[in-house]
Amino acid sequence: MDQENAITADLIAVLVAVSGNRPRTLTVKDGNALPSGPFEADHRSLQSGLRARVERQTGHVLGYIEQLYTFADRDRAGDAQHRVISISYLGLTREGRDAGATSSWRDWYDYFPWEDHRDGRPPFFDDRIAVPLLTWARDGATAGLREERTQRVNISFGLSGLAWHEELVLQRYELLYEAGLVPSTGPASGSAALVPGKSMLADHRRILATGIGRLRAKIKYRPVVFELLAPTFTLLQLQRCVEALAGQRIHKQNFRRLIEQQELVEETGAVTSDTIGRPAKLFRFRQAVLAERVAVGTKIPLARG
């Protein structure tokens, strides 16, 4: 095959854990990239190739994974003559101490600080995001373009009285990139005009945004948090885990009522004493729910106050 027209396939993993109420992702290259590597002829399948690659690269043994998205833009790797197709996977796990010397767990809000609204909008949101984006929208060459840009900004970022939709992570990132407020690849230039947030190599930040958006959408209808929690947990720990992923606070009583109505969990009969005040009951996910989750899923709604 002509080398200039060669097509190669990369396998990329978005691995997520929640530690200390912070959503974390496993990275390599000093936090600048996601675990990845080429799909090779001796790999039995895409999934087995990914498992082997990530475990060799990071030392982390993969559990639950599912295919996320295939990225095949012509110049996505920065080389228009060398076509690279990336097949990404989303994995959920618990952060362990088995990461290799060249890998590390990083808070995903280091890369997307505008996505964490648990304590309200970030302090830089208006000056560094809302105002520059609306200015960019008004600078469109035609009335139609100005209207289209303004509508996208308002919907994606919850402006002009619209609601904030936590799952629109990729759409927000793409808008910021299109407006020149985040760099395409590599380290940020240091310009004060750029939105805060750590960059990544190639388009790994875009892939991470895709994984976050997928996971935020999934927790509304499927109890994927099974893989993120210890076998037993308090209801507050369950709530904080969902909040960490969604970047939103949840009304405590509404959340617990919804969990009970859906019969997701059951008491273990034990309590934890490592909390301030009265010991908290420990729960586990019901075995029937564990058995059914792969086939149909179960909704864990974001019941906000």
Protein backbone atom coordinates (compact mmCIF):
# COMPACT_ATOMS: atom_id res chain seq x y z
CA MET A 1 0.00 0.00 0.00
CA ASP A 2 1.16 3.52 -0.80
CA GLN A 3 2.55 4.92 2.47
CA GLU A 4 1.00 8.32 1.74
CA ASN A 5 -2.44 6.67 1.62
CA ALA A 6 -1.91 4.29 4.54
CA ILE A 7 -4.63 3.99 7.14
CA THR A 8 -3.84 2.96 10.69
CA ALA A 9 -6.10 2.37 13.66
CA ASP A 10 -5.45 3.57 17.20
CA LEU A 11 -7.19 2.31 20.32
CA ILE A 12 -7.85 4.96 22.97
CA ALA A 13 -9.23 4.48 26.48
CA VAL A 14 -11.24 6.97 28.55
CA LEU A 15 -11.01 5.39 32.00
CA VAL A 16 -13.06 7.01 34.77
CA ALA A 17 -12.97 6.68 38.54
CA VAL A 18 -14.42 8.81 41.33
CA SER A 19 -12.13 9.48 44.31
CA GLY A 20 -12.79 11.96 47.10
CA ASN A 21 -15.88 13.21 45.24
CA ARG A 22 -13.73 14.10 42.24
CA PRO A 23 -14.18 12.48 38.80
CA ARG A 24 -10.80 11.25 37.62
CA THR A 25 -9.41 9.94 34.35
CA LEU A 26 -6.30 7.82 33.78
CA THR A 27 -3.69 9.64 31.70
CA VAL A 28 -0.18 9.17 30.35
CA LYS A 29 2.59 11.53 29.27
CA ASP A 30 2.36 13.71 32.37
CA GLY A 31 -1.39 14.11 32.02
CA ASN A 32 -1.19 15.22 28.39
CA ALA A 33 -2.73 12.15 26.75
CA LEU A 34 -5.12 9.26 27.25
CA PRO A 35 -3.81 5.68 27.24
CA SER A 36 -3.63 4.62 23.60
CA GLY A 37 -1.75 2.64 21.01
CA PRO A 38 -2.05 1.09 17.55
CA PHE A 39 -4.28 -1.87 16.79
CA GLU A 40 -1.90 -4.65 15.77
CA ALA A 41 -2.28 -7.74 13.61
CA ASP A 42 -1.77 -10.13 16.53
CA HIS A 43 -4.61 -8.59 18.58
CA ARG A 44 -7.50 -11.06 18.71
CA SER A 45 -10.11 -8.27 18.76
CA LEU A 46 -10.37 -4.53 19.24
CA GLN A 47 -11.35 -4.92 22.88
CA SER A 48 -8.62 -7.43 23.69
CA GLY A 49 -6.12 -5.19 21.93
CA LEU A 50 -7.21 -2.22 24.02
CA ARG A 51 -6.99 -4.23 27.25
CA ALA A 52 -3.52 -5.45 26.44
CA ARG A 53 -2.33 -2.01 25.38
CA VAL A 54 -3.69 -0.15 28.43
CA GLU A 55 -2.57 -2.77 30.93
CA ARG A 56 0.93 -2.77 29.49
CA GLN A 57 1.07 1.03 29.30
CA THR A 58 -0.41 1.91 32.70
CA GLY A 59 -0.42 -1.26 34.81
CA HIS A 60 -4.17 -0.86 35.34
CA VAL A 61 -6.28 -3.97 34.73
CA LEU A 62 -9.47 -3.05 32.89
CA GLY A 63 -12.90 -4.11 34.06
CA TYR A 64 -16.09 -2.78 32.47
CA ILE A 65 -15.54 -1.09 29.08
CA GLU A 66 -17.78 -0.20 26.18
CA GLN A 67 -17.06 1.28 22.77
CA LEU A 68 -17.39 5.05 22.84
CA TYR A 69 -16.88 6.52 19.38
CA THR A 70 -14.77 6.19 16.24
CA PHE A 71 -12.86 9.32 15.21
CA ALA A 72 -11.85 9.40 11.55
CA ASP A 73 -11.49 13.05 10.50
CA ARG A 74 -8.95 13.33 7.69
CA ASP A 75 -6.51 15.57 9.56
CA ARG A 76 -7.39 14.60 13.14
CA ALA A 77 -3.84 13.44 13.94
CA GLY A 78 -2.27 16.57 12.49
CA ASP A 79 -0.98 14.73 9.42
CA ALA A 80 -3.21 15.12 6.37
CA GLN A 81 -1.27 12.47 4.41
CA HIS A 82 -1.42 9.78 7.09
CA ARG A 83 -5.00 8.73 7.87
CA VAL A 84 -5.46 7.65 11.48
CA ILE A 85 -8.73 6.19 12.70
CA SER A 86 -9.13 6.14 16.46
CA ILE A 87 -11.54 3.73 18.12
CA SER A 88 -12.23 4.93 21.64
CA TYR A 89 -13.60 3.02 24.62
CA LEU A 90 -15.14 4.17 27.90
CA GLY A 91 -14.15 2.26 31.01
CA LEU A 92 -15.40 2.60 34.58
CA THR A 93 -13.28 1.49 37.49
CA ARG A 94 -12.07 2.37 40.96
CA GLU A 95 -8.84 4.26 41.28
CA GLY A 96 -6.14 1.93 42.55
CA ARG A 97 -2.47 2.08 43.21
CA ASP A 98 -1.65 -0.10 40.23
CA ALA A 99 -0.98 2.73 37.78
CA GLY A 100 2.43 2.50 36.14
CA ALA A 101 5.31 4.92 36.52
CA THR A 102 4.33 6.67 33.28
CA SER A 103 0.62 7.07 34.07
CA SER A 104 -1.42 9.11 36.52
CA TRP A 105 -5.01 9.80 37.54
CA ARG A 106 -6.13 13.37 36.83
CA ASP A 107 -9.26 15.31 37.79
CA TRP A 108 -11.27 15.71 34.60
CA TYR A 109 -12.26 19.22 35.68
CA ASP A 110 -8.59 20.18 35.26
CA TYR A 111 -9.30 19.83 31.53
CA PHE A 112 -12.88 21.18 31.57
CA PRO A 113 -13.18 23.52 34.59
CA TRP A 114 -16.29 25.18 33.14
CA GLU A 115 -18.15 21.86 33.49
CA ASP A 116 -18.20 21.79 37.31
CA HIS A 117 -21.32 23.60 38.52
CA ARG A 118 -21.69 21.90 41.90
CA ASP A 119 -21.05 25.22 43.62
CA GLY A 120 -22.67 27.33 40.93
CA ARG A 121 -21.07 28.73 37.82
CA PRO A 122 -17.26 28.93 38.00
CA PRO A 123 -16.04 32.44 38.88
CA PHE A 124 -14.48 32.92 35.43
CA PHE A 125 -17.59 31.80 33.53
CA ASP A 126 -19.07 35.18 32.61
CA ASP A 127 -15.85 37.05 31.75
CA ARG A 128 -13.93 34.23 30.06
CA ILE A 129 -16.75 32.24 28.45
CA ALA A 130 -20.16 33.94 28.18
CA VAL A 131 -18.99 37.40 27.10
CA PRO A 132 -16.32 36.23 24.58
CA LEU A 133 -18.68 33.66 23.06
CA LEU A 134 -21.52 36.13 22.61
CA THR A 135 -19.07 38.65 21.15
CA TRP A 136 -17.86 35.99 18.71
CA ALA A 137 -21.47 35.20 17.81
CA ARG A 138 -22.23 38.88 17.09
CA ASP A 139 -19.14 39.09 14.86
CA GLY A 140 -20.58 36.65 12.33
CA ALA A 141 -20.37 37.81 8.71
CA THR A 142 -24.10 37.52 8.02
CA ALA A 143 -27.31 37.93 9.99
CA GLY A 144 -28.04 34.23 9.55
CA LEU A 145 -24.64 33.23 10.89
CA ARG A 146 -24.97 35.60 13.85
CA GLU A 147 -28.37 34.13 14.73
CA GLU A 148 -27.13 30.55 14.36
CA ARG A 149 -24.06 31.17 16.52
CA THR A 150 -26.05 32.97 19.22
CA GLN A 151 -28.56 30.13 19.40
CA ARG A 152 -25.80 27.51 19.71
CA VAL A 153 -24.07 29.48 22.47
CA ASN A 154 -27.27 30.02 24.44
CA ILE A 155 -28.37 26.39 24.21
CA SER A 156 -24.95 24.87 24.90
CA PHE A 157 -24.03 27.12 27.82
CA GLY A 158 -27.46 27.73 29.33
CA LEU A 159 -27.52 31.47 28.65
CA SER A 160 -30.44 33.86 28.15
CA GLY A 161 -32.58 32.00 30.67
CA LEU A 162 -32.08 28.54 29.15
CA ALA A 163 -31.28 25.49 31.27
CA TRP A 164 -27.78 24.05 31.60
CA HIS A 165 -27.68 20.55 30.06
CA GLU A 166 -24.76 18.71 31.62
CA GLU A 167 -24.45 16.13 28.83
CA LEU A 168 -23.55 18.75 26.15
CA VAL A 169 -19.85 18.55 27.06
CA LEU A 170 -18.56 17.98 23.52
CA GLN A 171 -20.80 20.67 22.03
CA ARG A 172 -19.45 23.21 24.53
CA TYR A 173 -15.85 22.23 23.87
CA GLU A 174 -16.35 22.41 20.09
CA LEU A 175 -17.89 25.89 20.41
CA LEU A 176 -14.98 27.13 22.52
CA TYR A 177 -12.54 25.71 19.98
CA GLU A 178 -14.44 27.22 17.04
CA ALA A 179 -14.41 30.62 18.77
CA GLY A 180 -10.66 30.34 19.39
CA LEU A 181 -11.01 30.21 23.18
CA VAL A 182 -9.30 26.85 23.64
CA PRO A 183 -6.21 25.64 21.73
CA SER A 184 -6.56 22.80 19.25
CA THR A 185 -3.69 20.64 20.49
CA GLY A 186 -0.68 20.87 22.74
CA PRO A 187 -0.11 23.35 25.58
CA ALA A 188 -2.02 26.60 25.76
CA SER A 189 -0.24 29.69 24.53
CA GLY A 190 -0.75 31.48 27.82
CA SER A 191 -3.00 34.10 26.29
CA ALA A 192 -5.33 35.66 28.82
CA ALA A 193 -8.09 35.33 26.21
CA LEU A 194 -8.07 31.57 26.49
CA VAL A 195 -10.44 29.75 28.79
CA PRO A 196 -8.70 28.05 31.77
CA GLY A 197 -8.10 24.33 31.41
CA LYS A 198 -5.33 21.86 30.69
CA SER A 199 -4.79 20.89 27.06
CA MET A 200 -3.97 17.43 25.69
CA LEU A 201 -2.01 16.06 22.75
CA ALA A 202 -3.66 15.44 19.37
CA ASP A 203 -7.44 15.40 19.90
CA HIS A 204 -7.43 13.49 23.19
CA ARG A 205 -9.19 16.37 24.96
CA ARG A 206 -12.02 16.11 22.45
CA ILE A 207 -12.20 12.37 23.02
CA LEU A 208 -12.31 12.91 26.78
CA ALA A 209 -15.14 15.42 26.31
CA THR A 210 -17.03 12.78 24.33
CA GLY A 211 -16.58 10.27 27.16
CA ILE A 212 -17.75 12.70 29.83
CA GLY A 213 -20.85 13.59 27.82
CA ARG A 214 -21.66 9.92 27.23
CA LEU A 215 -21.31 9.08 30.90
CA ARG A 216 -23.40 12.04 32.03
CA ALA A 217 -26.17 10.95 29.68
CA LYS A 218 -25.95 7.33 30.86
CA ILE A 219 -26.31 8.05 34.57
CA LYS A 220 -29.79 9.38 33.82
CA TYR A 221 -31.04 5.96 32.76
CA ARG A 222 -28.49 3.31 33.70
CA PRO A 223 -26.76 2.58 37.04
CA VAL A 224 -23.23 2.62 35.68
CA VAL A 225 -22.01 3.88 39.05
CA PHE A 226 -21.81 0.22 40.14
CA GLU A 227 -18.26 0.08 38.85
CA LEU A 228 -17.27 3.32 40.59
CA LEU A 229 -18.34 2.52 44.15
CA ALA A 230 -17.11 0.07 46.75
CA PRO A 231 -19.35 -3.00 47.30
CA THR A 232 -20.99 -1.23 50.25
CA PHE A 233 -21.64 2.50 50.55
CA THR A 234 -23.81 5.11 52.21
CA LEU A 235 -26.58 6.88 50.33
CA LEU A 236 -24.62 10.11 50.67
CA GLN A 237 -21.62 8.47 48.99
CA LEU A 238 -23.88 7.33 46.14
CA GLN A 239 -25.29 10.83 45.78
CA ARG A 240 -21.86 12.49 45.85
CA CYS A 241 -20.61 10.07 43.19
CA VAL A 242 -23.45 10.98 40.82
CA GLU A 243 -22.98 14.68 41.57
CA ALA A 244 -19.25 14.46 40.82
CA LEU A 245 -19.95 12.97 37.40
CA ALA A 246 -22.81 15.31 36.54
CA GLY A 247 -21.12 18.46 37.86
CA GLN A 248 -24.44 19.33 39.48
CA ARG A 249 -25.85 19.23 43.00
CA ILE A 250 -28.85 16.97 43.58
CA HIS A 251 -31.69 17.58 46.01
CA LYS A 252 -31.02 15.07 48.80
CA GLN A 253 -34.56 14.00 49.66
CA ASN A 254 -35.70 13.81 46.03
CA PHE A 255 -32.66 11.73 45.14
CA ARG A 256 -33.24 9.27 47.97
CA ARG A 257 -36.93 9.00 47.15
CA LEU A 258 -36.10 8.16 43.54
CA ILE A 259 -33.52 5.56 44.57
CA GLU A 260 -36.04 3.91 46.88
CA GLN A 261 -38.84 3.99 44.29
CA GLN A 262 -36.63 2.20 41.78
CA GLU A 263 -35.49 -0.35 44.38
CA LEU A 264 -31.85 0.05 43.38
CA VAL A 265 -30.27 -0.61 46.75
CA GLU A 266 -30.80 -2.60 49.91
CA GLU A 267 -29.52 -2.22 53.45
CA THR A 268 -26.64 -4.44 54.53
CA GLY A 269 -27.48 -4.25 58.23
CA ALA A 270 -24.15 -2.59 58.95
CA VAL A 271 -23.29 1.04 59.63
CA THR A 272 -20.21 3.15 59.13
CA SER A 273 -18.71 5.08 62.00
CA ASP A 274 -16.24 7.14 59.96
CA THR A 275 -18.74 9.98 59.52
CA ILE A 276 -19.39 13.06 61.62
CA GLY A 277 -22.42 12.64 63.84
CA ARG A 278 -24.72 9.65 63.80
CA PRO A 279 -23.40 6.45 62.12
CA ALA A 280 -24.74 6.06 58.57
CA LYS A 281 -26.36 2.92 57.22
CA LEU A 282 -24.43 0.95 54.62
CA PHE A 283 -26.15 -0.13 51.44
CA ARG A 284 -25.35 -2.32 48.44
CA PHE A 285 -26.91 -2.58 45.01
CA ARG A 286 -29.58 -5.26 44.90
CA GLN A 287 -28.52 -8.50 43.23
CA ALA A 288 -31.56 -8.41 40.94
CA VAL A 289 -30.54 -4.97 39.69
CA LEU A 290 -26.96 -6.13 39.16
CA ALA A 291 -28.23 -9.02 37.04
CA GLU A 292 -30.58 -6.85 34.99
CA ARG A 293 -28.37 -3.82 34.38
CA VAL A 294 -26.59 -5.12 31.27
CA ALA A 295 -29.85 -5.98 29.52
CA VAL A 296 -32.10 -3.05 30.31
CA GLY A 297 -30.39 -0.57 32.64
CA THR A 298 -31.98 1.41 35.44
CA LYS A 299 -32.55 5.11 35.62
CA ILE A 300 -30.73 7.24 38.18
CA PRO A 301 -32.26 10.66 37.44
CA LEU A 302 -30.59 13.92 38.33
CA ALA A 303 -33.26 15.29 40.64
CA ARG A 304 -32.04 18.83 41.19
CA GLY A 305 -33.38 21.15 43.80
